[in-house]
Amino acid sequence: MGSIPAQIPTSFGHELRACLRCRLVKTYDQFRESGCENCPFFKMEEDHELVVECTTPNFNGIISVMGPTRSWAARWLRIGRFVPGVYTLAVSEALPEDMQTTCENQSVQYIPPKRL
């Protein structure tokens, strides 16, 4: 992943969503227009249904990460290899099975959320 940062959410209201794989937070419209900077293989910008499938409005907490490789918090949250941006601390939903298969086919790691 490069050091080109992800889009910063244009608002912090109910339209925020988090990617179910990398936990990047943006608005629905931002995911629809440019997809996920960490997960381009989901091609959310090509199929708007995928935005709903691959993201969730249900998440806990937000952290802004400017230097993911240098941040202990980013490493602790397992986002140290992702692009700088705004991330959630936790999502409670799992990525749908077909999108988990997409991750496997792309040889990218997917860590499902922990069950409480």
PDB file of N, CA and C in Angstrom:
ATOM      1  N   MET A   1       0.839  -1.168   0.000  1.00  0.00           N
ATOM      2  CA  MET A   1       0.000   0.000   0.000  1.00  0.00           C
ATOM      3  C   MET A   1       0.893   1.242   0.000  1.00  0.00           C
ATOM      4  N   GLY A   2       0.447   2.261  -0.696  1.00  0.00           N
ATOM      5  CA  GLY A   2       1.225   3.487  -0.783  1.00  0.00           C
ATOM      6  C   GLY A   2       0.951   4.406   0.377  1.00  0.00           C
ATOM      7  N   SER A   3       1.566   5.577   0.316  1.00  0.00           N
ATOM      8  CA  SER A   3       1.358   6.539   1.390  1.00  0.00           C
ATOM      9  C   SER A   3       0.363   7.618   0.979  1.00  0.00           C
ATOM     10  N   ILE A   4      -0.276   7.462  -0.189  1.00  0.00           N
ATOM     11  CA  ILE A   4      -1.303   8.407  -0.594  1.00  0.00           C
ATOM     12  C   ILE A   4      -2.496   8.184   0.327  1.00  0.00           C
ATOM     13  N   PRO A   5      -2.915   9.226   1.060  1.00  0.00           N
ATOM     14  CA  PRO A   5      -3.980   9.032   2.048  1.00  0.00           C
ATOM     15  C   PRO A   5      -5.347   8.765   1.423  1.00  0.00           C
ATOM     16  N   ALA A   6      -6.191   8.124   2.206  1.00  0.00           N
ATOM     17  CA  ALA A   6      -7.581   7.895   1.816  1.00  0.00           C
ATOM     18  C   ALA A   6      -8.336   9.210   1.941  1.00  0.00           C
ATOM     19  N   GLN A   7      -9.498   9.270   1.311  1.00  0.00           N
ATOM     20  CA  GLN A   7     -10.347  10.442   1.467  1.00  0.00           C
ATOM     21  C   GLN A   7     -10.757  10.562   2.931  1.00  0.00           C
ATOM     22  N   ILE A   8     -10.819  11.787   3.407  1.00  0.00           N
ATOM     23  CA  ILE A   8     -11.302  12.059   4.759  1.00  0.00           C
ATOM     24  C   ILE A   8     -12.816  12.233   4.656  1.00  0.00           C
ATOM     25  N   PRO A   9     -13.593  11.672   5.597  1.00  0.00           N
ATOM     26  CA  PRO A   9     -15.053  11.848   5.520  1.00  0.00           C
ATOM     27  C   PRO A   9     -15.431  13.323   5.406  1.00  0.00           C
ATOM     28  N   THR A  10     -16.387  13.599   4.523  1.00  0.00           N
ATOM     29  CA  THR A  10     -16.824  14.980   4.311  1.00  0.00           C
ATOM     30  C   THR A  10     -17.826  15.426   5.360  1.00  0.00           C
ATOM     31  N   SER A  11     -18.357  14.485   6.117  1.00  0.00           N
ATOM     32  CA  SER A  11     -19.234  14.820   7.246  1.00  0.00           C
ATOM     33  C   SER A  11     -19.165  13.676   8.243  1.00  0.00           C
ATOM     34  N   PHE A  12     -19.591  13.947   9.456  1.00  0.00           N
ATOM     35  CA  PHE A  12     -19.505  12.924  10.506  1.00  0.00           C
ATOM     36  C   PHE A  12     -20.882  12.622  11.088  1.00  0.00           C
ATOM     37  N   GLY A  13     -21.849  12.419  10.204  1.00  0.00           N
ATOM     38  CA  GLY A  13     -23.207  12.114  10.644  1.00  0.00           C
ATOM     39  C   GLY A  13     -23.553  10.656  10.399  1.00  0.00           C
ATOM     40  N   HIS A  14     -24.830  10.410  10.170  1.00  0.00           N
ATOM     41  CA  HIS A  14     -25.337   9.044  10.014  1.00  0.00           C
ATOM     42  C   HIS A  14     -24.938   8.396   8.693  1.00  0.00           C
ATOM     43  N   GLU A  15     -24.410   9.175   7.746  1.00  0.00           N
ATOM     44  CA  GLU A  15     -24.045   8.601   6.453  1.00  0.00           C
ATOM     45  C   GLU A  15     -22.667   7.939   6.450  1.00  0.00           C
ATOM     46  N   LEU A  16     -21.978   7.952   7.586  1.00  0.00           N
ATOM     47  CA  LEU A  16     -20.665   7.302   7.663  1.00  0.00           C
ATOM     48  C   LEU A  16     -20.799   5.789   7.611  1.00  0.00           C
ATOM     49  N   ARG A  17     -19.837   5.170   6.910  1.00  0.00           N
ATOM     50  CA  ARG A  17     -19.788   3.714   6.812  1.00  0.00           C
ATOM     51  C   ARG A  17     -18.344   3.281   6.972  1.00  0.00           C
ATOM     52  N   ALA A  18     -18.144   2.041   7.412  1.00  0.00           N
ATOM     53  CA  ALA A  18     -16.800   1.481   7.577  1.00  0.00           C
ATOM     54  C   ALA A  18     -16.663   0.248   6.697  1.00  0.00           C
ATOM     55  N   CYS A  19     -15.522   0.127   6.028  1.00  0.00           N
ATOM     56  CA  CYS A  19     -15.230  -1.057   5.225  1.00  0.00           C
ATOM     57  C   CYS A  19     -15.144  -2.261   6.167  1.00  0.00           C
ATOM     58  N   LEU A  20     -15.796  -3.347   5.809  1.00  0.00           N
ATOM     59  CA  LEU A  20     -15.807  -4.532   6.657  1.00  0.00           C
ATOM     60  C   LEU A  20     -14.485  -5.284   6.646  1.00  0.00           C
ATOM     61  N   ARG A  21     -13.607  -5.017   5.678  1.00  0.00           N
ATOM     62  CA  ARG A  21     -12.295  -5.670   5.688  1.00  0.00           C
ATOM     63  C   ARG A  21     -11.267  -4.827   6.430  1.00  0.00           C
ATOM     64  N   CYS A  22     -11.072  -3.576   6.003  1.00  0.00           N
ATOM     65  CA  CYS A  22      -9.967  -2.777   6.557  1.00  0.00           C
ATOM     66  C   CYS A  22     -10.412  -1.750   7.598  1.00  0.00           C
ATOM     67  N   ARG A  23     -11.721  -1.529   7.729  1.00  0.00           N
ATOM     68  CA  ARG A  23     -12.308  -0.601   8.709  1.00  0.00           C
ATOM     69  C   ARG A  23     -12.096   0.877   8.364  1.00  0.00           C
ATOM     70  N   LEU A  24     -11.764   1.190   7.115  1.00  0.00           N
ATOM     71  CA  LEU A  24     -11.667   2.577   6.675  1.00  0.00           C
ATOM     72  C   LEU A  24     -13.048   3.216   6.756  1.00  0.00           C
ATOM     73  N   VAL A  25     -13.108   4.443   7.251  1.00  0.00           N
ATOM     74  CA  VAL A  25     -14.386   5.144   7.413  1.00  0.00           C
ATOM     75  C   VAL A  25     -14.477   6.285   6.410  1.00  0.00           C
ATOM     76  N   LYS A  26     -15.567   6.286   5.645  1.00  0.00           N
ATOM     77  CA  LYS A  26     -15.891   7.372   4.714  1.00  0.00           C
ATOM     78  C   LYS A  26     -17.418   7.454   4.634  1.00  0.00           C
ATOM     79  N   THR A  27     -17.923   8.433   3.903  1.00  0.00           N
ATOM     80  CA  THR A  27     -19.369   8.494   3.708  1.00  0.00           C
ATOM     81  C   THR A  27     -19.767   7.481   2.630  1.00  0.00           C
ATOM     82  N   TYR A  28     -21.046   7.154   2.604  1.00  0.00           N
ATOM     83  CA  TYR A  28     -21.572   6.246   1.580  1.00  0.00           C
ATOM     84  C   TYR A  28     -21.207   6.773   0.192  1.00  0.00           C
ATOM     85  N   ASP A  29     -21.431   8.082  -0.024  1.00  0.00           N
ATOM     86  CA  ASP A  29     -21.150   8.679  -1.335  1.00  0.00           C
ATOM     87  C   ASP A  29     -19.674   8.571  -1.714  1.00  0.00           C
ATOM     88  N   GLN A  30     -18.778   8.724  -0.737  1.00  0.00           N
ATOM     89  CA  GLN A  30     -17.347   8.611  -1.033  1.00  0.00           C
ATOM     90  C   GLN A  30     -16.975   7.184  -1.443  1.00  0.00           C
ATOM     91  N   PHE A  31     -17.527   6.183  -0.754  1.00  0.00           N
ATOM     92  CA  PHE A  31     -17.284   4.792  -1.160  1.00  0.00           C
ATOM     93  C   PHE A  31     -17.853   4.550  -2.557  1.00  0.00           C
ATOM     94  N   ARG A  32     -19.057   5.108  -2.832  1.00  0.00           N
ATOM     95  CA  ARG A  32     -19.701   4.918  -4.124  1.00  0.00           C
ATOM     96  C   ARG A  32     -18.888   5.557  -5.254  1.00  0.00           C
ATOM     97  N   GLU A  33     -18.293   6.717  -4.983  1.00  0.00           N
ATOM     98  CA  GLU A  33     -17.548   7.437  -6.020  1.00  0.00           C
ATOM     99  C   GLU A  33     -16.145   6.867  -6.241  1.00  0.00           C
ATOM    100  N   SER A  34     -15.443   6.484  -5.151  1.00  0.00           N
ATOM    101  CA  SER A  34     -14.039   6.092  -5.328  1.00  0.00           C
ATOM    102  C   SER A  34     -13.667   4.765  -4.674  1.00  0.00           C
ATOM    103  N   GLY A  35     -14.634   4.031  -4.146  1.00  0.00           N
ATOM    104  CA  GLY A  35     -14.342   2.735  -3.546  1.00  0.00           C
ATOM    105  C   GLY A  35     -13.499   2.865  -2.290  1.00  0.00           C
ATOM    106  N   CYS A  36     -12.825   1.790  -1.934  1.00  0.00           N
ATOM    107  CA  CYS A  36     -11.982   1.752  -0.740  1.00  0.00           C
ATOM    108  C   CYS A  36     -10.520   1.756  -1.167  1.00  0.00           C
ATOM    109  N   GLU A  37      -9.758   2.695  -0.631  1.00  0.00           N
ATOM    110  CA  GLU A  37      -8.349   2.815  -1.013  1.00  0.00           C
ATOM    111  C   GLU A  37      -7.516   1.598  -0.615  1.00  0.00           C
ATOM    112  N   ASN A  38      -7.904   0.886   0.436  1.00  0.00           N
ATOM    113  CA  ASN A  38      -7.183  -0.313   0.867  1.00  0.00           C
ATOM    114  C   ASN A  38      -7.669  -1.582   0.176  1.00  0.00           C
ATOM    115  N   CYS A  39      -8.891  -1.552  -0.325  1.00  0.00           N
ATOM    116  CA  CYS A  39      -9.515  -2.758  -0.892  1.00  0.00           C
ATOM    117  C   CYS A  39     -10.057  -2.483  -2.305  1.00  0.00           C
ATOM    118  N   PRO A  40      -9.192  -2.068  -3.248  1.00  0.00           N
ATOM    119  CA  PRO A  40      -9.683  -1.735  -4.591  1.00  0.00           C
ATOM    120  C   PRO A  40     -10.298  -2.919  -5.325  1.00  0.00           C
ATOM    121  N   PHE A  41      -9.924  -4.146  -4.922  1.00  0.00           N
ATOM    122  CA  PHE A  41     -10.441  -5.361  -5.561  1.00  0.00           C
ATOM    123  C   PHE A  41     -11.927  -5.571  -5.308  1.00  0.00           C
ATOM    124  N   PHE A  42     -12.523  -4.857  -4.337  1.00  0.00           N
ATOM    125  CA  PHE A  42     -13.973  -4.946  -4.131  1.00  0.00           C
ATOM    126  C   PHE A  42     -14.728  -4.187  -5.219  1.00  0.00           C
ATOM    127  N   LYS A  43     -14.066  -3.231  -5.873  1.00  0.00           N
ATOM    128  CA  LYS A  43     -14.652  -2.464  -6.985  1.00  0.00           C
ATOM    129  C   LYS A  43     -15.992  -1.825  -6.615  1.00  0.00           C
ATOM    130  N   MET A  44     -16.065  -1.250  -5.420  1.00  0.00           N
ATOM    131  CA  MET A  44     -17.304  -0.620  -4.952  1.00  0.00           C
ATOM    132  C   MET A  44     -17.757   0.512  -5.860  1.00  0.00           C
ATOM    133  N   GLU A  45     -16.788   1.207  -6.481  1.00  0.00           N
ATOM    134  CA  GLU A  45     -17.149   2.339  -7.336  1.00  0.00           C
ATOM    135  C   GLU A  45     -17.817   1.881  -8.633  1.00  0.00           C
ATOM    136  N   GLU A  46     -17.691   0.599  -8.979  1.00  0.00           N
ATOM    137  CA  GLU A  46     -18.299   0.072 -10.198  1.00  0.00           C
ATOM    138  C   GLU A  46     -19.688  -0.499  -9.951  1.00  0.00           C
ATOM    139  N   ASP A  47     -19.965  -0.949  -8.733  1.00  0.00           N
ATOM    140  CA  ASP A  47     -21.254  -1.566  -8.402  1.00  0.00           C
ATOM    141  C   ASP A  47     -21.691  -1.043  -7.042  1.00  0.00           C
ATOM    142  N   HIS A  48     -22.681  -0.176  -7.041  1.00  0.00           N
ATOM    143  CA  HIS A  48     -23.101   0.488  -5.808  1.00  0.00           C
ATOM    144  C   HIS A  48     -23.687  -0.467  -4.777  1.00  0.00           C
ATOM    145  N   GLU A  49     -24.182  -1.628  -5.227  1.00  0.00           N
ATOM    146  CA  GLU A  49     -24.666  -2.635  -4.277  1.00  0.00           C
ATOM    147  C   GLU A  49     -23.521  -3.140  -3.397  1.00  0.00           C
ATOM    148  N   LEU A  50     -22.310  -3.134  -3.947  1.00  0.00           N
ATOM    149  CA  LEU A  50     -21.155  -3.601  -3.193  1.00  0.00           C
ATOM    150  C   LEU A  50     -20.814  -2.672  -2.036  1.00  0.00           C
ATOM    151  N   VAL A  51     -21.170  -1.383  -2.155  1.00  0.00           N
ATOM    152  CA  VAL A  51     -20.940  -0.459  -1.043  1.00  0.00           C
ATOM    153  C   VAL A  51     -21.744  -0.936   0.165  1.00  0.00           C
ATOM    154  N   VAL A  52     -22.989  -1.328  -0.076  1.00  0.00           N
ATOM    155  CA  VAL A  52     -23.849  -1.814   1.007  1.00  0.00           C
ATOM    156  C   VAL A  52     -23.346  -3.155   1.528  1.00  0.00           C
ATOM    157  N   GLU A  53     -22.857  -4.019   0.616  1.00  0.00           N
ATOM    158  CA  GLU A  53     -22.374  -5.348   0.996  1.00  0.00           C
ATOM    159  C   GLU A  53     -21.056  -5.311   1.767  1.00  0.00           C
ATOM    160  N   CYS A  54     -20.158  -4.408   1.372  1.00  0.00           N
ATOM    161  CA  CYS A  54     -18.787  -4.406   1.904  1.00  0.00           C
ATOM    162  C   CYS A  54     -18.547  -3.388   3.006  1.00  0.00           C
ATOM    163  N   THR A  55     -19.556  -2.573   3.314  1.00  0.00           N
ATOM    164  CA  THR A  55     -19.396  -1.573   4.373  1.00  0.00           C
ATOM    165  C   THR A  55     -20.563  -1.670   5.341  1.00  0.00           C
ATOM    166  N   THR A  56     -20.413  -1.038   6.498  1.00  0.00           N
ATOM    167  CA  THR A  56     -21.478  -1.044   7.503  1.00  0.00           C
ATOM    168  C   THR A  56     -21.572   0.319   8.178  1.00  0.00           C
ATOM    169  N   PRO A  57     -22.788   0.721   8.546  1.00  0.00           N
ATOM    170  CA  PRO A  57     -22.930   1.946   9.335  1.00  0.00           C
ATOM    171  C   PRO A  57     -22.768   1.666  10.835  1.00  0.00           C
ATOM    172  N   ASN A  58     -22.629   0.385  11.199  1.00  0.00           N
ATOM    173  CA  ASN A  58     -22.539  -0.015  12.603  1.00  0.00           C
ATOM    174  C   ASN A  58     -21.088  -0.270  13.001  1.00  0.00           C
ATOM    175  N   PHE A  59     -20.503   0.700  13.689  1.00  0.00           N
ATOM    176  CA  PHE A  59     -19.122   0.545  14.136  1.00  0.00           C
ATOM    177  C   PHE A  59     -18.911   1.346  15.407  1.00  0.00           C
ATOM    178  N   ASN A  60     -17.810   1.063  16.089  1.00  0.00           N
ATOM    179  CA  ASN A  60     -17.512   1.721  17.370  1.00  0.00           C
ATOM    180  C   ASN A  60     -16.216   2.501  17.295  1.00  0.00           C
ATOM    181  N   GLY A  61     -16.278   3.793  17.609  1.00  0.00           N
ATOM    182  CA  GLY A  61     -15.086   4.626  17.716  1.00  0.00           C
ATOM    183  C   GLY A  61     -14.450   4.962  16.391  1.00  0.00           C
ATOM    184  N   ILE A  62     -13.679   6.035  16.396  1.00  0.00           N
ATOM    185  CA  ILE A  62     -12.976   6.488  15.197  1.00  0.00           C
ATOM    186  C   ILE A  62     -11.568   6.905  15.599  1.00  0.00           C
ATOM    187  N   ILE A  63     -10.601   6.587  14.750  1.00  0.00           N
ATOM    188  CA  ILE A  63      -9.224   7.022  14.958  1.00  0.00           C
ATOM    189  C   ILE A  63      -8.710   7.554  13.624  1.00  0.00           C
ATOM    190  N   SER A  64      -8.015   8.680  13.662  1.00  0.00           N
ATOM    191  CA  SER A  64      -7.360   9.211  12.470  1.00  0.00           C
ATOM    192  C   SER A  64      -5.906   8.767  12.514  1.00  0.00           C
ATOM    193  N   VAL A  65      -5.431   8.215  11.407  1.00  0.00           N
ATOM    194  CA  VAL A  65      -4.068   7.705  11.353  1.00  0.00           C
ATOM    195  C   VAL A  65      -3.315   8.422  10.239  1.00  0.00           C
ATOM    196  N   MET A  66      -2.304   9.193  10.623  1.00  0.00           N
ATOM    197  CA  MET A  66      -1.517   9.945   9.647  1.00  0.00           C
ATOM    198  C   MET A  66      -0.294   9.153   9.185  1.00  0.00           C
ATOM    199  N   GLY A  67       0.357   8.443  10.100  1.00  0.00           N
ATOM    200  CA  GLY A  67       1.541   7.656   9.770  1.00  0.00           C
ATOM    201  C   GLY A  67       1.345   6.227  10.235  1.00  0.00           C
ATOM    202  N   PRO A  68       0.581   5.424   9.483  1.00  0.00           N
ATOM    203  CA  PRO A  68       0.242   4.070   9.944  1.00  0.00           C
ATOM    204  C   PRO A  68       1.432   3.202  10.327  1.00  0.00           C
ATOM    205  N   THR A  69       2.534   3.293   9.606  1.00  0.00           N
ATOM    206  CA  THR A  69       3.678   2.428   9.912  1.00  0.00           C
ATOM    207  C   THR A  69       4.400   2.855  11.181  1.00  0.00           C
ATOM    208  N   ARG A  70       4.242   4.123  11.580  1.00  0.00           N
ATOM    209  CA  ARG A  70       4.929   4.627  12.781  1.00  0.00           C
ATOM    210  C   ARG A  70       4.022   4.666  14.009  1.00  0.00           C
ATOM    211  N   SER A  71       2.760   4.360  13.851  1.00  0.00           N
ATOM    212  CA  SER A  71       1.793   4.495  14.938  1.00  0.00           C
ATOM    213  C   SER A  71       1.614   3.178  15.703  1.00  0.00           C
ATOM    214  N   TRP A  72       1.861   3.211  17.015  1.00  0.00           N
ATOM    215  CA  TRP A  72       1.646   1.991  17.808  1.00  0.00           C
ATOM    216  C   TRP A  72       0.159   1.646  17.821  1.00  0.00           C
ATOM    217  N   ALA A  73      -0.701   2.673  17.823  1.00  0.00           N
ATOM    218  CA  ALA A  73      -2.147   2.425  17.834  1.00  0.00           C
ATOM    219  C   ALA A  73      -2.578   1.739  16.536  1.00  0.00           C
ATOM    220  N   ALA A  74      -2.023   2.177  15.414  1.00  0.00           N
ATOM    221  CA  ALA A  74      -2.358   1.549  14.129  1.00  0.00           C
ATOM    222  C   ALA A  74      -1.894   0.099  14.108  1.00  0.00           C
ATOM    223  N   ARG A  75      -0.699  -0.153  14.633  1.00  0.00           N
ATOM    224  CA  ARG A  75      -0.220  -1.548  14.680  1.00  0.00           C
ATOM    225  C   ARG A  75      -1.100  -2.386  15.596  1.00  0.00           C
ATOM    226  N   TRP A  76      -1.482  -1.829  16.746  1.00  0.00           N
ATOM    227  CA  TRP A  76      -2.331  -2.537  17.705  1.00  0.00           C
ATOM    228  C   TRP A  76      -3.683  -2.875  17.084  1.00  0.00           C
ATOM    229  N   LEU A  77      -4.206  -1.949  16.254  1.00  0.00           N
ATOM    230  CA  LEU A  77      -5.495  -2.159  15.589  1.00  0.00           C
ATOM    231  C   LEU A  77      -5.371  -2.956  14.286  1.00  0.00           C
ATOM    232  N   ARG A  78      -4.137  -3.360  13.966  1.00  0.00           N
ATOM    233  CA  ARG A  78      -3.842  -4.118  12.740  1.00  0.00           C
ATOM    234  C   ARG A  78      -4.178  -3.330  11.478  1.00  0.00           C
ATOM    235  N   ILE A  79      -3.942  -2.018  11.515  1.00  0.00           N
ATOM    236  CA  ILE A  79      -4.151  -1.191  10.331  1.00  0.00           C
ATOM    237  C   ILE A  79      -2.848  -0.489   9.930  1.00  0.00           C
ATOM    238  N   GLY A  80      -1.720  -0.945  10.464  1.00  0.00           N
ATOM    239  CA  GLY A  80      -0.428  -0.322  10.207  1.00  0.00           C
ATOM    240  C   GLY A  80       0.045  -0.410   8.767  1.00  0.00           C
ATOM    241  N   ARG A  81      -0.521  -1.328   7.989  1.00  0.00           N
ATOM    242  CA  ARG A  81      -0.111  -1.462   6.587  1.00  0.00           C
ATOM    243  C   ARG A  81      -1.079  -0.766   5.641  1.00  0.00           C
ATOM    244  N   PHE A  82      -2.108  -0.138   6.172  1.00  0.00           N
ATOM    245  CA  PHE A  82      -3.096   0.533   5.330  1.00  0.00           C
ATOM    246  C   PHE A  82      -2.701   1.985   5.088  1.00  0.00           C
ATOM    247  N   VAL A  83      -3.419   2.649   4.187  1.00  0.00           N
ATOM    248  CA  VAL A  83      -3.119   4.040   3.853  1.00  0.00           C
ATOM    249  C   VAL A  83      -3.543   4.958   5.002  1.00  0.00           C
ATOM    250  N   PRO A  84      -2.912   6.131   5.124  1.00  0.00           N
ATOM    251  CA  PRO A  84      -3.366   7.095   6.133  1.00  0.00           C
ATOM    252  C   PRO A  84      -4.841   7.427   5.901  1.00  0.00           C
ATOM    253  N   GLY A  85      -5.582   7.602   6.972  1.00  0.00           N
ATOM    254  CA  GLY A  85      -7.007   7.922   6.839  1.00  0.00           C
ATOM    255  C   GLY A  85      -7.718   7.822   8.169  1.00  0.00           C
ATOM    256  N   VAL A  86      -9.042   7.766   8.095  1.00  0.00           N
ATOM    257  CA  VAL A  86      -9.897   7.657   9.277  1.00  0.00           C
ATOM    258  C   VAL A  86     -10.408   6.225   9.345  1.00  0.00           C
ATOM    259  N   TYR A  87     -10.235   5.593  10.505  1.00  0.00           N
ATOM    260  CA  TYR A  87     -10.617   4.189  10.690  1.00  0.00           C
ATOM    261  C   TYR A  87     -11.503   4.045  11.913  1.00  0.00           C
ATOM    262  N   THR A  88     -12.282   2.973  11.936  1.00  0.00           N
ATOM    263  CA  THR A  88     -13.053   2.647  13.128  1.00  0.00           C
ATOM    264  C   THR A  88     -12.234   1.704  14.003  1.00  0.00           C
ATOM    265  N   LEU A  89     -12.524   1.723  15.288  1.00  0.00           N
ATOM    266  CA  LEU A  89     -11.845   0.819  16.210  1.00  0.00           C
ATOM    267  C   LEU A  89     -12.363  -0.599  16.061  1.00  0.00           C
ATOM    268  N   ALA A  90     -13.661  -0.753  15.754  1.00  0.00           N
ATOM    269  CA  ALA A  90     -14.234  -2.096  15.655  1.00  0.00           C
ATOM    270  C   ALA A  90     -15.523  -2.100  14.843  1.00  0.00           C
ATOM    271  N   VAL A  91     -15.688  -3.141  14.044  1.00  0.00           N
ATOM    272  CA  VAL A  91     -16.964  -3.432  13.391  1.00  0.00           C
ATOM    273  C   VAL A  91     -17.470  -4.743  13.982  1.00  0.00           C
ATOM    274  N   SER A  92     -18.789  -4.910  14.001  1.00  0.00           N
ATOM    275  CA  SER A  92     -19.339  -6.125  14.596  1.00  0.00           C
ATOM    276  C   SER A  92     -19.876  -7.098  13.551  1.00  0.00           C
ATOM    277  N   GLU A  93     -19.935  -6.672  12.298  1.00  0.00           N
ATOM    278  CA  GLU A  93     -20.456  -7.530  11.232  1.00  0.00           C
ATOM    279  C   GLU A  93     -19.309  -8.176  10.464  1.00  0.00           C
ATOM    280  N   ALA A  94     -19.556  -9.370   9.956  1.00  0.00           N
ATOM    281  CA  ALA A  94     -18.561 -10.057   9.137  1.00  0.00           C
ATOM    282  C   ALA A  94     -18.777  -9.704   7.666  1.00  0.00           C
ATOM    283  N   LEU A  95     -17.709  -9.791   6.909  1.00  0.00           N
ATOM    284  CA  LEU A  95     -17.775  -9.608   5.461  1.00  0.00           C
ATOM    285  C   LEU A  95     -18.559 -10.780   4.880  1.00  0.00           C
ATOM    286  N   PRO A  96     -19.465 -10.536   3.903  1.00  0.00           N
ATOM    287  CA  PRO A  96     -20.212 -11.651   3.304  1.00  0.00           C
ATOM    288  C   PRO A  96     -19.257 -12.707   2.720  1.00  0.00           C
ATOM    289  N   GLU A  97     -19.733 -13.966   2.705  1.00  0.00           N
ATOM    290  CA  GLU A  97     -18.907 -15.097   2.255  1.00  0.00           C
ATOM    291  C   GLU A  97     -18.287 -14.869   0.874  1.00  0.00           C
ATOM    292  N   ASP A  98     -19.088 -14.353  -0.084  1.00  0.00           N
ATOM    293  CA  ASP A  98     -18.551 -14.172  -1.439  1.00  0.00           C
ATOM    294  C   ASP A  98     -17.428 -13.136  -1.457  1.00  0.00           C
ATOM    295  N   MET A  99     -17.506 -12.134  -0.579  1.00  0.00           N
ATOM    296  CA  MET A  99     -16.447 -11.127  -0.527  1.00  0.00           C
ATOM    297  C   MET A  99     -15.224 -11.671   0.228  1.00  0.00           C
ATOM    298  N   GLN A 100     -15.453 -12.594   1.175  1.00  0.00           N
ATOM    299  CA  GLN A 100     -14.323 -13.268   1.829  1.00  0.00           C
ATOM    300  C   GLN A 100     -13.565 -14.103   0.797  1.00  0.00           C
ATOM    301  N   THR A 101     -14.302 -14.722  -0.119  1.00  0.00           N
ATOM    302  CA  THR A 101     -13.684 -15.492  -1.201  1.00  0.00           C
ATOM    303  C   THR A 101     -12.878 -14.568  -2.108  1.00  0.00           C
ATOM    304  N   THR A 102     -13.403 -13.370  -2.372  1.00  0.00           N
ATOM    305  CA  THR A 102     -12.666 -12.382  -3.166  1.00  0.00           C
ATOM    306  C   THR A 102     -11.336 -12.062  -2.490  1.00  0.00           C
ATOM    307  N   CYS A 103     -11.348 -11.892  -1.170  1.00  0.00           N
ATOM    308  CA  CYS A 103     -10.106 -11.629  -0.432  1.00  0.00           C
ATOM    309  C   CYS A 103      -9.120 -12.783  -0.615  1.00  0.00           C
ATOM    310  N   GLU A 104      -9.608 -14.018  -0.467  1.00  0.00           N
ATOM    311  CA  GLU A 104      -8.746 -15.192  -0.640  1.00  0.00           C
ATOM    312  C   GLU A 104      -8.156 -15.229  -2.046  1.00  0.00           C
ATOM    313  N   ASN A 105      -8.998 -14.959  -3.044  1.00  0.00           N
ATOM    314  CA  ASN A 105      -8.539 -14.983  -4.438  1.00  0.00           C
ATOM    315  C   ASN A 105      -7.494 -13.897  -4.709  1.00  0.00           C
ATOM    316  N   GLN A 106      -7.564 -12.793  -3.974  1.00  0.00           N
ATOM    317  CA  GLN A 106      -6.607 -11.694  -4.131  1.00  0.00           C
ATOM    318  C   GLN A 106      -5.398 -11.855  -3.209  1.00  0.00           C
ATOM    319  N   SER A 107      -5.378 -12.926  -2.427  1.00  0.00           N
ATOM    320  CA  SER A 107      -4.305 -13.194  -1.449  1.00  0.00           C
ATOM    321  C   SER A 107      -4.142 -12.063  -0.438  1.00  0.00           C
ATOM    322  N   VAL A 108      -5.271 -11.510   0.010  1.00  0.00           N
ATOM    323  CA  VAL A 108      -5.238 -10.487   1.055  1.00  0.00           C
ATOM    324  C   VAL A 108      -5.907 -11.037   2.306  1.00  0.00           C
ATOM    325  N   GLN A 109      -5.373 -10.668   3.437  1.00  0.00           N
ATOM    326  CA  GLN A 109      -5.873 -11.183   4.703  1.00  0.00           C
ATOM    327  C   GLN A 109      -7.196 -10.534   5.075  1.00  0.00           C
ATOM    328  N   TYR A 110      -8.108 -11.359   5.570  1.00  0.00           N
ATOM    329  CA  TYR A 110      -9.357 -10.861   6.155  1.00  0.00           C
ATOM    330  C   TYR A 110      -9.450 -11.453   7.552  1.00  0.00           C
ATOM    331  N   ILE A 111      -9.585 -10.580   8.538  1.00  0.00           N
ATOM    332  CA  ILE A 111      -9.731 -11.025   9.925  1.00  0.00           C
ATOM    333  C   ILE A 111     -11.160 -10.713  10.356  1.00  0.00           C
ATOM    334  N   PRO A 112     -11.995 -11.744  10.557  1.00  0.00           N
ATOM    335  CA  PRO A 112     -13.374 -11.491  10.968  1.00  0.00           C
ATOM    336  C   PRO A 112     -13.427 -10.851  12.348  1.00  0.00           C
ATOM    337  N   PRO A 113     -14.517 -10.105  12.635  1.00  0.00           N
ATOM    338  CA  PRO A 113     -14.621  -9.486  13.958  1.00  0.00           C
ATOM    339  C   PRO A 113     -14.729 -10.533  15.050  1.00  0.00           C
ATOM    340  N   LYS A 114     -14.216 -10.192  16.221  1.00  0.00           N
ATOM    341  CA  LYS A 114     -14.305 -11.106  17.354  1.00  0.00           C
ATOM    342  C   LYS A 114     -15.742 -11.127  17.875  1.00  0.00           C
ATOM    343  N   ARG A 115     -16.197 -12.310  18.222  1.00  0.00           N
ATOM    344  CA  ARG A 115     -17.539 -12.447  18.792  1.00  0.00           C
ATOM    345  C   ARG A 115     -17.439 -12.173  20.300  1.00  0.00           C
ATOM    346  N   LEU A 116     -18.275 -11.277  20.779  1.00  0.00           N
ATOM    347  CA  LEU A 116     -18.250 -10.946  22.209  1.00  0.00           C
ATOM    348  C   LEU A 116     -19.129 -11.863  23.005  1.00  0.00           C
TER     349      LEU A 116
END
